[in-house]
């Protein structure tokens, strides 16, 4: 059962990790290039949107994975 759920939770965890990399890269570009205030507002808005949309899915995926890992470990011992 854990493998079945892991195949559903793993893509969510990977997608959130990829969004984190894109987030850091976008701020690095803003910092290095010294972009104007408009670019910083756009990056902040996109970052906030990704956080609001991605955080609940990430928390749910991690919670389900930990719950079933604990159940499997309890069952095995």
N, C-alpha and C. Protein backbone atom coordinates (compact mmCIF):
# COMPACT_ATOMS: atom_id res chain seq x y z
N UNK A 1 0.82 -1.18 0.00
CA UNK A 1 0.00 0.00 0.00
C UNK A 1 0.87 1.26 0.00
N UNK A 2 1.99 1.20 0.72
CA UNK A 2 2.86 2.37 0.76
C UNK A 2 3.40 2.70 -0.63
N UNK A 3 3.75 1.69 -1.39
CA UNK A 3 4.24 1.94 -2.75
C UNK A 3 3.17 2.58 -3.61
N UNK A 4 1.93 2.14 -3.45
CA UNK A 4 0.82 2.71 -4.21
C UNK A 4 0.64 4.19 -3.89
N UNK A 5 0.71 4.52 -2.62
CA UNK A 5 0.55 5.93 -2.23
C UNK A 5 1.80 6.74 -2.54
N UNK A 6 2.96 6.11 -2.44
CA UNK A 6 4.20 6.83 -2.74
C UNK A 6 4.23 7.26 -4.20
N UNK A 7 3.65 6.47 -5.08
CA UNK A 7 3.64 6.87 -6.49
C UNK A 7 2.76 8.10 -6.70
N UNK A 8 1.82 8.35 -5.78
CA UNK A 8 1.00 9.55 -5.87
C UNK A 8 1.64 10.73 -5.14
N UNK A 9 2.30 10.48 -4.02
CA UNK A 9 2.89 11.55 -3.22
C UNK A 9 4.23 12.01 -3.79
N UNK A 10 4.97 11.12 -4.38
CA UNK A 10 6.30 11.46 -4.89
C UNK A 10 6.28 12.57 -5.94
N UNK A 11 5.37 12.55 -6.91
CA UNK A 11 5.35 13.66 -7.88
C UNK A 11 5.05 15.02 -7.24
N UNK A 12 4.22 15.02 -6.20
CA UNK A 12 3.92 16.28 -5.52
C UNK A 12 5.16 16.81 -4.83
N UNK A 13 5.88 15.93 -4.14
CA UNK A 13 7.09 16.34 -3.44
C UNK A 13 8.14 16.82 -4.43
N UNK A 14 8.29 16.14 -5.55
CA UNK A 14 9.26 16.57 -6.57
C UNK A 14 8.86 17.90 -7.20
N UNK A 15 7.57 18.11 -7.45
CA UNK A 15 7.10 19.36 -8.05
C UNK A 15 7.35 20.54 -7.11
N UNK A 16 7.11 20.35 -5.83
CA UNK A 16 7.36 21.42 -4.87
C UNK A 16 8.85 21.71 -4.78
N UNK A 17 9.67 20.68 -4.83
CA UNK A 17 11.13 20.89 -4.85
C UNK A 17 11.57 21.66 -6.07
N UNK A 18 11.00 21.34 -7.22
CA UNK A 18 11.32 22.05 -8.45
C UNK A 18 10.88 23.51 -8.37
N UNK A 19 9.72 23.75 -7.77
CA UNK A 19 9.26 25.14 -7.58
C UNK A 19 10.20 25.90 -6.66
N UNK A 20 10.74 25.23 -5.66
CA UNK A 20 11.71 25.87 -4.77
C UNK A 20 12.97 26.27 -5.51
N UNK A 21 13.43 25.42 -6.39
CA UNK A 21 14.61 25.75 -7.19
C UNK A 21 14.31 26.93 -8.11
N UNK A 22 13.15 26.92 -8.74
CA UNK A 22 12.78 28.04 -9.62
C UNK A 22 12.64 29.34 -8.82
N UNK A 23 12.12 29.23 -7.62
CA UNK A 23 11.98 30.40 -6.74
C UNK A 23 13.35 31.00 -6.43
N UNK A 24 14.27 30.16 -6.01
CA UNK A 24 15.62 30.66 -5.69
C UNK A 24 16.31 31.22 -6.93
N UNK A 25 16.14 30.59 -8.05
CA UNK A 25 16.76 31.06 -9.28
C UNK A 25 16.18 32.41 -9.70
N UNK A 26 14.88 32.60 -9.54
CA UNK A 26 14.28 33.88 -9.93
C UNK A 26 14.77 35.01 -9.05
N UNK A 27 14.91 34.76 -7.77
CA UNK A 27 15.43 35.82 -6.89
C UNK A 27 16.90 36.07 -7.16
N UNK A 28 17.64 35.03 -7.51
CA UNK A 28 19.06 35.21 -7.83
C UNK A 28 19.20 36.11 -9.06
N UNK A 29 18.35 35.92 -10.06
CA UNK A 29 18.40 36.76 -11.25
C UNK A 29 18.08 38.21 -10.89
N UNK A 30 17.07 38.41 -10.05
CA UNK A 30 16.71 39.76 -9.63
C UNK A 30 17.87 40.42 -8.87
N UNK A 31 18.50 39.68 -7.99
CA UNK A 31 19.59 40.24 -7.19
C UNK A 31 20.81 40.52 -8.05
N UNK A 32 21.18 39.57 -8.90
CA UNK A 32 22.39 39.74 -9.72
C UNK A 32 22.22 40.84 -10.76
N UNK A 33 21.08 40.87 -11.42
CA UNK A 33 20.88 41.86 -12.47
C UNK A 33 20.40 43.20 -11.94
N UNK A 34 20.07 43.26 -10.68
CA UNK A 34 19.61 44.51 -10.11
C UNK A 34 18.36 45.03 -10.78
N UNK A 35 17.38 44.16 -10.92
CA UNK A 35 16.16 44.52 -11.62
C UNK A 35 15.40 45.62 -10.88
N UNK A 36 14.54 46.27 -11.61
CA UNK A 36 13.76 47.36 -11.02
C UNK A 36 12.67 46.81 -10.11
N UNK A 37 11.93 47.72 -9.49
CA UNK A 37 10.91 47.33 -8.51
C UNK A 37 9.80 46.50 -9.15
N UNK A 38 9.48 46.78 -10.41
CA UNK A 38 8.43 46.03 -11.09
C UNK A 38 8.76 44.56 -11.22
N UNK A 39 10.01 44.25 -11.55
CA UNK A 39 10.42 42.84 -11.67
C UNK A 39 10.38 42.15 -10.31
N UNK A 40 10.75 42.86 -9.27
CA UNK A 40 10.72 42.27 -7.93
C UNK A 40 9.28 41.99 -7.50
N UNK A 41 8.36 42.85 -7.87
CA UNK A 41 6.95 42.64 -7.53
C UNK A 41 6.42 41.42 -8.27
N UNK A 42 6.79 41.27 -9.53
CA UNK A 42 6.34 40.11 -10.31
C UNK A 42 6.89 38.82 -9.70
N UNK A 43 8.17 38.80 -9.37
CA UNK A 43 8.77 37.60 -8.77
C UNK A 43 8.11 37.30 -7.43
N UNK A 44 7.87 38.32 -6.63
CA UNK A 44 7.21 38.11 -5.33
C UNK A 44 5.79 37.58 -5.51
N UNK A 45 5.06 38.09 -6.49
CA UNK A 45 3.70 37.64 -6.74
C UNK A 45 3.67 36.19 -7.20
N UNK A 46 4.55 35.84 -8.11
CA UNK A 46 4.61 34.46 -8.59
C UNK A 46 5.02 33.53 -7.46
N UNK A 47 5.98 33.96 -6.66
CA UNK A 47 6.43 33.16 -5.52
C UNK A 47 5.29 32.93 -4.54
N UNK A 48 4.53 33.97 -4.25
CA UNK A 48 3.40 33.83 -3.32
C UNK A 48 2.34 32.89 -3.88
N UNK A 49 2.07 33.00 -5.17
CA UNK A 49 1.07 32.13 -5.80
C UNK A 49 1.50 30.67 -5.74
N UNK A 50 2.76 30.41 -6.03
CA UNK A 50 3.27 29.04 -5.97
C UNK A 50 3.21 28.52 -4.54
N UNK A 51 3.56 29.35 -3.59
CA UNK A 51 3.52 28.93 -2.19
C UNK A 51 2.09 28.61 -1.75
N UNK A 52 1.16 29.46 -2.09
CA UNK A 52 -0.24 29.25 -1.69
C UNK A 52 -0.81 28.00 -2.35
N UNK A 53 -0.47 27.75 -3.59
CA UNK A 53 -1.00 26.59 -4.29
C UNK A 53 -0.25 25.30 -3.97
N UNK A 54 1.05 25.39 -3.75
CA UNK A 54 1.86 24.20 -3.56
C UNK A 54 1.97 23.70 -2.14
N UNK A 55 1.91 24.59 -1.17
CA UNK A 55 2.14 24.20 0.23
C UNK A 55 1.12 23.17 0.73
N UNK A 56 -0.17 23.37 0.52
CA UNK A 56 -1.11 22.35 1.02
C UNK A 56 -0.90 20.96 0.40
N UNK A 57 -0.62 20.92 -0.87
CA UNK A 57 -0.38 19.62 -1.52
C UNK A 57 0.88 18.97 -0.96
N UNK A 58 1.91 19.76 -0.73
CA UNK A 58 3.16 19.24 -0.18
C UNK A 58 2.94 18.70 1.23
N UNK A 59 2.26 19.45 2.06
CA UNK A 59 2.00 19.03 3.44
C UNK A 59 1.18 17.75 3.45
N UNK A 60 0.18 17.69 2.60
CA UNK A 60 -0.65 16.49 2.52
C UNK A 60 0.17 15.29 2.07
N UNK A 61 0.99 15.46 1.05
CA UNK A 61 1.81 14.35 0.54
C UNK A 61 2.79 13.86 1.60
N UNK A 62 3.44 14.78 2.29
CA UNK A 62 4.39 14.38 3.33
C UNK A 62 3.66 13.70 4.49
N UNK A 63 2.51 14.24 4.88
CA UNK A 63 1.74 13.64 5.97
C UNK A 63 1.28 12.23 5.66
N UNK A 64 0.77 12.03 4.45
CA UNK A 64 0.31 10.69 4.05
C UNK A 64 1.49 9.73 4.01
N UNK A 65 2.60 10.17 3.47
CA UNK A 65 3.78 9.31 3.38
C UNK A 65 4.27 8.91 4.77
N UNK A 66 4.35 9.85 5.69
CA UNK A 66 4.81 9.54 7.05
C UNK A 66 3.82 8.64 7.78
N UNK A 67 2.54 8.89 7.61
CA UNK A 67 1.54 8.08 8.27
C UNK A 67 1.64 6.62 7.83
N UNK A 68 1.70 6.40 6.54
CA UNK A 68 1.74 5.02 6.08
C UNK A 68 3.10 4.37 6.30
N UNK A 69 4.16 5.15 6.34
CA UNK A 69 5.46 4.57 6.68
C UNK A 69 5.43 4.08 8.12
N UNK A 70 4.84 4.86 9.00
CA UNK A 70 4.70 4.44 10.40
C UNK A 70 3.84 3.21 10.53
N UNK A 71 2.75 3.15 9.78
CA UNK A 71 1.87 1.98 9.83
C UNK A 71 2.59 0.72 9.34
N UNK A 72 3.37 0.87 8.27
CA UNK A 72 4.09 -0.29 7.73
C UNK A 72 5.16 -0.74 8.72
N UNK A 73 5.88 0.22 9.34
CA UNK A 73 6.91 -0.16 10.30
C UNK A 73 6.31 -0.83 11.53
N UNK A 74 5.15 -0.34 11.99
CA UNK A 74 4.48 -0.98 13.12
C UNK A 74 4.01 -2.37 12.76
N UNK A 75 3.54 -2.53 11.56
CA UNK A 75 3.05 -3.84 11.10
C UNK A 75 4.19 -4.84 10.97
N UNK A 76 5.37 -4.37 10.56
CA UNK A 76 6.50 -5.26 10.36
C UNK A 76 7.15 -5.70 11.68
N UNK A 77 7.00 -4.89 12.72
CA UNK A 77 7.67 -5.25 13.98
C UNK A 77 6.80 -6.09 14.89
